Amino acid sequence: MSQAKAINLALQGGGAHGAFTWGVLDYLLESPRVRIEGISGTSAGAMNAVITADGLLEGNEDHARQALENFWFAVSKTAVLSPIRRTPLDMWMGNWSLDTSPGYLAFDLFSRLVSPYQFNPLGLNPLRDIIAERVDFERVRACRYLKLFVCATNVRSGQQQVFRREEMTPDMVMASACLPFLYKAVEIDGDAYWDGGYMGNPALFPLMEECDSRDIAIVQINPIQRDEVPRSAAAILNRMNEITFNASLIKEVRAIAMLKRQIEISGADMTCYRDTHFHRIDADDSLQRLSVSSKLNAEWAFLTHLRNQGRRTAARWLEENFAALGERSTLDIDSVYR
């Protein structure tokens, strides 16, 4: 069997939709054809990344796969008694979104009227408890099998902040996933941070500058294209959410593409940018029909549904693009990120 090809992964955030990325990771960790050198993640992508790093140091790829399943199962357990659930009608119709859930509608309205500094002054976050319980951060910091980058947004400066594996803490992961309408800003060394999706969803430059592999596969779980113009309030908010959390990625990819062209013209010695190959594993087919409310649906049946979709998508992507790894990009930047 030929030697596995090294790749880097850029993992977007997206709440429960991060279970799709779980499926992608599950398949790639299982495959003998590729080896993951580095991961840059934001929000749910950051959680998937640190769980993977912890599992890899503990044993091997199988341990990492099991660690990911254990994490997402723990997430689902927190939702068992939550009032933010699908209605019986939605369950009967197979609708995974929560747009008609009384609990979701009440929570959504409440979060727009009251600050988390008022309704959650203690900063309680069940996800932080799960991360702290499931992840040994000493192991993560010692995991030399994987280069790890987590992106957050500095509230005061509005700038992107990238945390690296060697310094990783639970607060850094939670900063990357801190939605300002739901949680107080996470304080780290005197600075306040919000969700990294506002400024880097995820950050690509660390993978280009600090990894040997020249292949970056973007696992994109926020759809770019929508054919219909949204007309309902829920649909408008959903589309605004998608545009917002894709904006930083699109800008960075387009800037890199322009820089690559300038380097090729000038002949400058910037091989880490010039020779990078971009690929895209997207969830468009799986998530097009889901609204933003489904990002809060943590039912085990939904999470495993997304995992299975992620596995199938990753298998198809690898089969179609394996030969291109190490040779060329398979992402048409001008078409997808125009």
Protein backbone atom coordinates (compact mmCIF):
# COMPACT_ATOMS: atom_id res chain seq x y z
CA MET A 1 0.00 0.00 0.00
CA SER A 2 1.27 3.48 -0.87
CA GLN A 3 2.26 5.89 1.88
CA ALA A 4 -0.52 8.04 3.33
CA LYS A 5 -0.69 11.61 2.02
CA ALA A 6 -0.51 14.40 4.60
CA ILE A 7 -3.30 16.99 4.61
CA ASN A 8 -4.41 19.90 6.75
CA LEU A 9 -8.01 20.57 7.73
CA ALA A 10 -9.77 23.93 8.21
CA LEU A 11 -12.93 23.34 10.26
CA GLN A 12 -15.77 25.86 10.33
CA GLY A 13 -18.02 26.44 13.31
CA GLY A 14 -21.76 25.93 13.28
CA GLY A 15 -23.15 24.60 16.55
CA ALA A 16 -24.73 21.17 16.25
CA HIS A 17 -23.89 21.20 12.54
CA GLY A 18 -20.34 20.50 13.72
CA ALA A 19 -21.50 16.88 13.92
CA PHE A 20 -21.16 16.83 10.12
CA THR A 21 -17.48 17.66 10.65
CA TRP A 22 -17.31 14.87 13.23
CA GLY A 23 -18.31 12.51 10.43
CA VAL A 24 -15.66 13.91 8.08
CA LEU A 25 -12.99 13.48 10.75
CA ASP A 26 -14.26 10.01 11.59
CA TYR A 27 -13.82 8.89 7.99
CA LEU A 28 -10.45 10.57 7.40
CA LEU A 29 -9.02 9.20 10.67
CA GLU A 30 -10.17 5.75 9.61
CA SER A 31 -8.73 5.97 6.10
CA PRO A 32 -5.15 4.68 5.54
CA ARG A 33 -4.85 6.95 2.50
CA VAL A 34 -4.41 10.24 4.38
CA ARG A 35 -2.70 11.55 7.49
CA ILE A 36 -3.88 14.75 9.20
CA GLU A 37 -0.91 17.02 9.95
CA GLY A 38 -2.67 20.17 11.16
CA ILE A 39 -6.14 21.42 12.04
CA SER A 40 -7.37 25.00 12.28
CA GLY A 41 -10.79 25.19 13.89
CA THR A 42 -13.35 27.70 15.07
CA SER A 43 -16.22 27.17 17.53
CA ALA A 44 -17.55 23.62 16.99
CA GLY A 45 -14.58 23.10 14.67
CA ALA A 46 -12.25 23.99 17.54
CA MET A 47 -13.98 21.48 19.79
CA ASN A 48 -13.66 18.74 17.20
CA ALA A 49 -9.99 19.67 16.83
CA VAL A 50 -9.03 19.50 20.51
CA ILE A 51 -10.96 16.26 20.99
CA THR A 52 -9.03 14.79 18.05
CA ALA A 53 -5.67 15.98 19.43
CA ASP A 54 -6.43 14.52 22.85
CA GLY A 55 -7.47 11.18 21.36
CA LEU A 56 -4.44 10.95 19.08
CA LEU A 57 -1.98 11.32 21.94
CA GLU A 58 -3.86 8.83 24.10
CA GLY A 59 -3.45 6.13 21.51
CA ASN A 60 -4.08 6.26 17.80
CA GLU A 61 -6.69 7.19 15.22
CA ASP A 62 -9.21 4.73 16.70
CA HIS A 63 -8.91 6.42 20.09
CA ALA A 64 -9.48 9.80 18.45
CA ARG A 65 -12.59 8.48 16.65
CA GLN A 66 -13.98 7.10 19.90
CA ALA A 67 -13.19 10.34 21.73
CA LEU A 68 -15.18 12.29 19.13
CA GLU A 69 -18.18 9.96 19.49
CA ASN A 70 -18.02 10.20 23.29
CA PHE A 71 -17.92 13.99 23.12
CA TRP A 72 -20.93 14.33 20.83
CA PHE A 73 -22.89 11.78 22.86
CA ALA A 74 -22.17 13.86 25.99
CA VAL A 75 -23.45 16.93 24.12
CA SER A 76 -26.67 15.09 23.28
CA LYS A 77 -27.20 14.11 26.92
CA THR A 78 -27.31 17.79 27.95
CA ALA A 79 -30.30 18.26 25.62
CA VAL A 80 -32.43 15.46 27.03
CA LEU A 81 -34.26 17.72 29.50
CA SER A 82 -33.92 20.94 27.49
CA PRO A 83 -37.12 22.81 26.58
CA ILE A 84 -35.47 23.70 23.24
CA ARG A 85 -36.74 20.65 21.39
CA ARG A 86 -38.60 19.73 18.24
CA THR A 87 -42.37 19.57 18.40
CA PRO A 88 -44.07 16.18 17.99
CA LEU A 89 -45.29 17.32 14.56
CA ASP A 90 -41.72 18.14 13.46
CA MET A 91 -40.56 14.75 14.69
CA TRP A 92 -43.36 13.02 12.78
CA MET A 93 -42.52 14.96 9.60
CA GLY A 94 -38.77 14.36 9.93
CA ASN A 95 -38.00 18.09 10.27
CA TRP A 96 -34.76 18.63 12.20
CA SER A 97 -35.13 22.42 12.59
CA LEU A 98 -36.58 24.13 15.66
CA ASP A 99 -38.40 27.02 13.99
CA THR A 100 -41.76 26.01 15.47
CA SER A 101 -40.43 24.92 18.88
CA PRO A 102 -42.01 27.08 21.63
CA GLY A 103 -38.88 26.65 23.71
CA TYR A 104 -36.61 27.81 20.90
CA LEU A 105 -38.85 30.76 19.96
CA ALA A 106 -39.01 31.93 23.58
CA PHE A 107 -35.27 31.54 24.05
CA ASP A 108 -34.48 33.32 20.78
CA LEU A 109 -36.64 36.31 21.72
CA PHE A 110 -35.31 36.38 25.27
CA SER A 111 -31.67 36.36 24.11
CA ARG A 112 -32.32 39.39 21.89
CA LEU A 113 -33.84 41.41 24.72
CA VAL A 114 -31.69 40.43 27.69
CA SER A 115 -27.89 40.34 27.87
CA PRO A 116 -26.12 37.16 29.05
CA TYR A 117 -24.58 39.38 31.72
CA GLN A 118 -28.12 39.66 33.09
CA PHE A 119 -29.69 36.23 32.55
CA ASN A 120 -26.48 34.22 33.08
CA PRO A 121 -24.28 36.28 35.44
CA LEU A 122 -22.35 33.20 36.61
CA GLY A 123 -21.36 32.34 33.05
CA LEU A 124 -22.71 28.80 33.22
CA ASN A 125 -21.99 26.81 30.06
CA PRO A 126 -22.61 23.06 29.89
CA LEU A 127 -20.29 22.78 26.88
CA ARG A 128 -17.38 24.04 28.96
CA ASP A 129 -18.09 21.38 31.56
CA ILE A 130 -18.07 18.70 28.84
CA ILE A 131 -14.81 19.97 27.34
CA ALA A 132 -13.12 20.22 30.74
CA GLU A 133 -14.30 16.73 31.66
CA ARG A 134 -13.57 15.02 28.33
CA VAL A 135 -10.28 16.66 27.33
CA ASP A 136 -6.95 16.35 29.08
CA PHE A 137 -5.38 19.63 28.03
CA GLU A 138 -1.94 18.57 29.21
CA ARG A 139 -2.21 15.77 26.64
CA VAL A 140 -3.41 18.22 23.99
CA ARG A 141 -0.48 20.55 24.62
CA ALA A 142 1.89 17.56 24.39
CA CYS A 143 0.33 16.10 21.21
CA ARG A 144 3.12 16.41 18.66
CA TYR A 145 1.16 14.25 16.22
CA LEU A 146 -1.05 17.20 15.32
CA LYS A 147 -0.54 20.93 14.83
CA LEU A 148 -3.55 22.72 16.27
CA PHE A 149 -4.87 26.27 15.83
CA VAL A 150 -8.01 27.74 17.39
CA CYS A 151 -9.44 31.10 16.33
CA ALA A 152 -11.30 33.65 18.50
CA THR A 153 -12.29 37.31 18.08
CA ASN A 154 -10.83 39.97 20.39
CA VAL A 155 -13.83 42.01 21.54
CA ARG A 156 -11.98 45.25 22.21
CA SER A 157 -9.71 45.37 19.15
CA GLY A 158 -11.99 43.47 16.75
CA GLN A 159 -8.94 41.51 15.61
CA GLN A 160 -8.48 37.81 15.03
CA GLN A 161 -6.64 35.84 17.73
CA VAL A 162 -5.15 32.41 16.97
CA PHE A 163 -4.29 30.13 19.88
CA ARG A 164 -1.85 27.29 19.28
CA ARG A 165 -1.74 23.77 20.64
CA GLU A 166 1.25 24.42 22.91
CA GLU A 167 -0.75 26.97 24.94
CA MET A 168 -4.25 25.47 24.65
CA THR A 169 -6.67 25.72 27.60
CA PRO A 170 -10.42 25.17 28.02
CA ASP A 171 -10.94 28.95 28.06
CA MET A 172 -9.35 29.28 24.62
CA VAL A 173 -11.70 26.69 23.16
CA MET A 174 -14.72 28.32 24.80
CA ALA A 175 -13.59 31.75 23.60
CA SER A 176 -13.67 30.40 20.06
CA ALA A 177 -17.28 29.28 20.60
CA CYS A 178 -18.57 32.27 22.58
CA LEU A 179 -21.71 33.60 20.89
CA PRO A 180 -22.22 37.07 22.43
CA PHE A 181 -26.02 36.79 22.61
CA LEU A 182 -25.73 33.61 24.68
CA TYR A 183 -22.57 33.88 26.79
CA LYS A 184 -20.44 36.49 28.46
CA ALA A 185 -17.15 37.24 26.73
CA VAL A 186 -14.39 34.85 27.79
CA GLU A 187 -11.53 36.59 29.58
CA ILE A 188 -7.98 35.38 28.82
CA ASP A 189 -4.94 37.28 30.13
CA GLY A 190 -6.95 40.49 30.50
CA ASP A 191 -8.53 40.37 27.04
CA ALA A 192 -12.15 39.54 26.21
CA TYR A 193 -13.04 37.18 23.37
CA TRP A 194 -16.09 36.22 21.33
CA ASP A 195 -16.72 33.53 18.75
CA GLY A 196 -13.91 33.21 16.22
CA GLY A 197 -16.39 32.95 13.36
CA TYR A 198 -16.63 36.73 13.12
CA MET A 199 -12.97 37.12 12.09
CA GLY A 200 -11.73 33.67 11.06
CA ASN A 201 -14.07 30.79 10.31
CA PRO A 202 -11.51 29.25 10.36
CA ALA A 203 -8.08 30.89 10.05
CA LEU A 204 -6.08 29.49 7.11
CA PHE A 205 -2.72 31.25 7.33
CA PRO A 206 -1.34 29.15 10.26
CA LEU A 207 -1.82 25.99 8.21
CA MET A 208 0.05 27.56 5.31
CA GLU A 209 2.90 29.01 7.33
CA GLU A 210 3.45 26.37 10.03
CA CYS A 211 2.64 23.02 8.38
CA ASP A 212 4.69 21.03 5.88
CA SER A 213 1.73 19.67 3.94
CA ARG A 214 0.66 21.95 1.12
CA ASP A 215 -2.91 20.59 0.97
CA ILE A 216 -5.67 22.35 2.93
CA ALA A 217 -9.16 20.86 2.92
CA ILE A 218 -11.79 23.36 4.06
CA VAL A 219 -14.68 21.59 5.79
CA GLN A 220 -17.45 24.11 5.18
CA ILE A 221 -20.73 23.71 7.05
CA ASN A 222 -22.24 27.14 6.36
CA PRO A 223 -23.79 27.12 2.86
CA ILE A 224 -22.55 29.88 0.56
CA GLN A 225 -25.20 29.82 -2.16
CA ARG A 226 -28.96 30.12 -1.69
CA ASP A 227 -31.12 30.29 -4.81
CA GLU A 228 -34.20 31.75 -3.13
CA VAL A 229 -34.44 35.20 -1.55
CA PRO A 230 -35.58 34.77 2.09
CA ARG A 231 -38.91 36.40 2.91
CA SER A 232 -39.89 35.29 6.40
CA ALA A 233 -38.20 36.76 9.48
CA ALA A 234 -36.70 33.37 10.37
CA ALA A 235 -35.37 32.84 6.84
CA ILE A 236 -33.85 36.34 6.74
CA LEU A 237 -32.05 35.79 10.05
CA ASN A 238 -30.89 32.39 8.86
CA ARG A 239 -29.36 33.83 5.69
CA MET A 240 -27.75 36.71 7.58
CA ASN A 241 -26.15 34.16 9.91
CA GLU A 242 -24.75 32.17 6.99
CA ILE A 243 -23.36 35.25 5.23
CA THR A 244 -21.78 36.59 8.43
CA PHE A 245 -20.03 33.35 9.31
CA ASN A 246 -18.76 32.79 5.76
CA ALA A 247 -17.51 36.33 5.20
CA SER A 248 -14.11 36.03 6.90
CA LEU A 249 -13.34 32.72 5.15
CA ILE A 250 -14.28 34.05 1.72
CA LYS A 251 -12.17 37.19 2.19
CA GLU A 252 -9.13 35.21 3.34
CA VAL A 253 -9.35 32.67 0.52
CA ARG A 254 -9.73 35.41 -2.10
CA ALA A 255 -6.81 37.36 -0.60
CA ILE A 256 -4.63 34.23 -0.68
CA ALA A 257 -5.62 33.52 -4.29
CA MET A 258 -4.64 37.07 -5.28
CA LEU A 259 -1.35 36.76 -3.37
CA LYS A 260 -0.58 33.46 -5.12
CA ARG A 261 -1.06 35.10 -8.51
CA GLN A 262 1.22 37.99 -7.56
CA ILE A 263 3.88 35.58 -6.31
CA GLU A 264 3.73 33.60 -9.54
CA ILE A 265 4.11 36.79 -11.58
CA SER A 266 6.91 38.25 -9.48
CA GLY A 267 8.74 35.00 -8.77
CA ALA A 268 9.00 35.87 -5.06
CA ASP A 269 10.29 33.14 -2.75
CA MET A 270 7.10 32.51 -0.74
CA THR A 271 6.60 28.81 -1.34
CA CYS A 272 4.28 28.33 1.65
CA TYR A 273 1.70 30.48 -0.16
CA ARG A 274 2.60 29.81 -3.80
CA ASP A 275 2.46 26.01 -3.55
CA THR A 276 -0.62 25.62 -1.33
CA HIS A 277 -3.41 23.48 -2.76
CA PHE A 278 -6.97 24.19 -1.67
CA HIS A 279 -9.78 21.64 -1.46
CA ARG A 280 -13.35 21.88 -0.15
CA ILE A 281 -15.49 19.33 1.66
CA ASP A 282 -18.88 21.01 1.87
CA ALA A 283 -22.12 20.23 3.63
CA ASP A 284 -24.32 22.05 1.11
CA ASP A 285 -26.35 18.98 0.13
CA SER A 286 -26.82 17.95 3.76
CA LEU A 287 -27.61 21.34 5.33
CA GLN A 288 -29.32 23.38 2.60
CA ARG A 289 -32.80 22.57 3.95
CA LEU A 290 -31.92 23.22 7.59
CA SER A 291 -32.44 26.58 9.25
CA VAL A 292 -30.12 28.24 11.75
CA SER A 293 -32.35 26.96 14.58
CA SER A 294 -31.16 23.40 13.94
CA LYS A 295 -27.70 24.46 15.16
CA LEU A 296 -29.22 24.17 18.64
CA ASN A 297 -30.71 20.73 18.02
CA ALA A 298 -28.52 18.37 20.03
CA GLU A 299 -30.68 15.24 19.75
CA TRP A 300 -28.54 12.15 19.33
CA ALA A 301 -30.56 11.07 16.30
CA PHE A 302 -29.81 14.40 14.58
CA LEU A 303 -26.13 14.38 15.50
CA THR A 304 -25.62 10.85 14.19
CA HIS A 305 -27.59 11.74 11.06
CA LEU A 306 -25.14 14.58 10.40
CA ARG A 307 -22.17 12.34 11.25
CA ASN A 308 -23.31 9.81 8.67
CA GLN A 309 -23.73 12.58 6.10
CA GLY A 310 -20.21 13.77 6.89
CA ARG A 311 -18.73 10.30 6.49
CA ARG A 312 -20.41 9.79 3.12
CA THR A 313 -19.33 13.22 1.89
CA ALA A 314 -15.72 12.66 3.00
CA ALA A 315 -15.62 9.23 1.35
CA ARG A 316 -16.88 10.66 -1.93
CA TRP A 317 -14.50 13.62 -1.74
CA LEU A 318 -11.45 11.42 -1.07
CA GLU A 319 -12.31 8.99 -3.83
CA GLU A 320 -12.71 11.79 -6.36
CA ASN A 321 -9.73 13.91 -5.29
CA PHE A 322 -7.08 11.61 -3.79
CA ALA A 323 -4.91 11.71 -6.91
CA ALA A 324 -4.86 15.53 -6.77
CA LEU A 325 -3.48 15.68 -3.22
CA GLY A 326 0.07 16.94 -3.34
CA GLU A 327 -0.33 17.91 -7.00
CA ARG A 328 -2.97 20.59 -7.48
CA SER A 329 -5.99 22.37 -6.04
CA THR A 330 -9.45 20.92 -6.58
CA LEU A 331 -11.23 24.01 -5.30
CA ASP A 332 -12.13 26.53 -7.99
CA ILE A 333 -11.70 29.64 -5.86
CA ASP A 334 -12.97 32.07 -8.50
CA SER A 335 -16.17 30.06 -8.89
CA VAL A 336 -16.97 29.12 -5.28
CA TYR A 337 -15.65 32.22 -3.48
CA ARG A 338 -16.26 34.81 -6.18
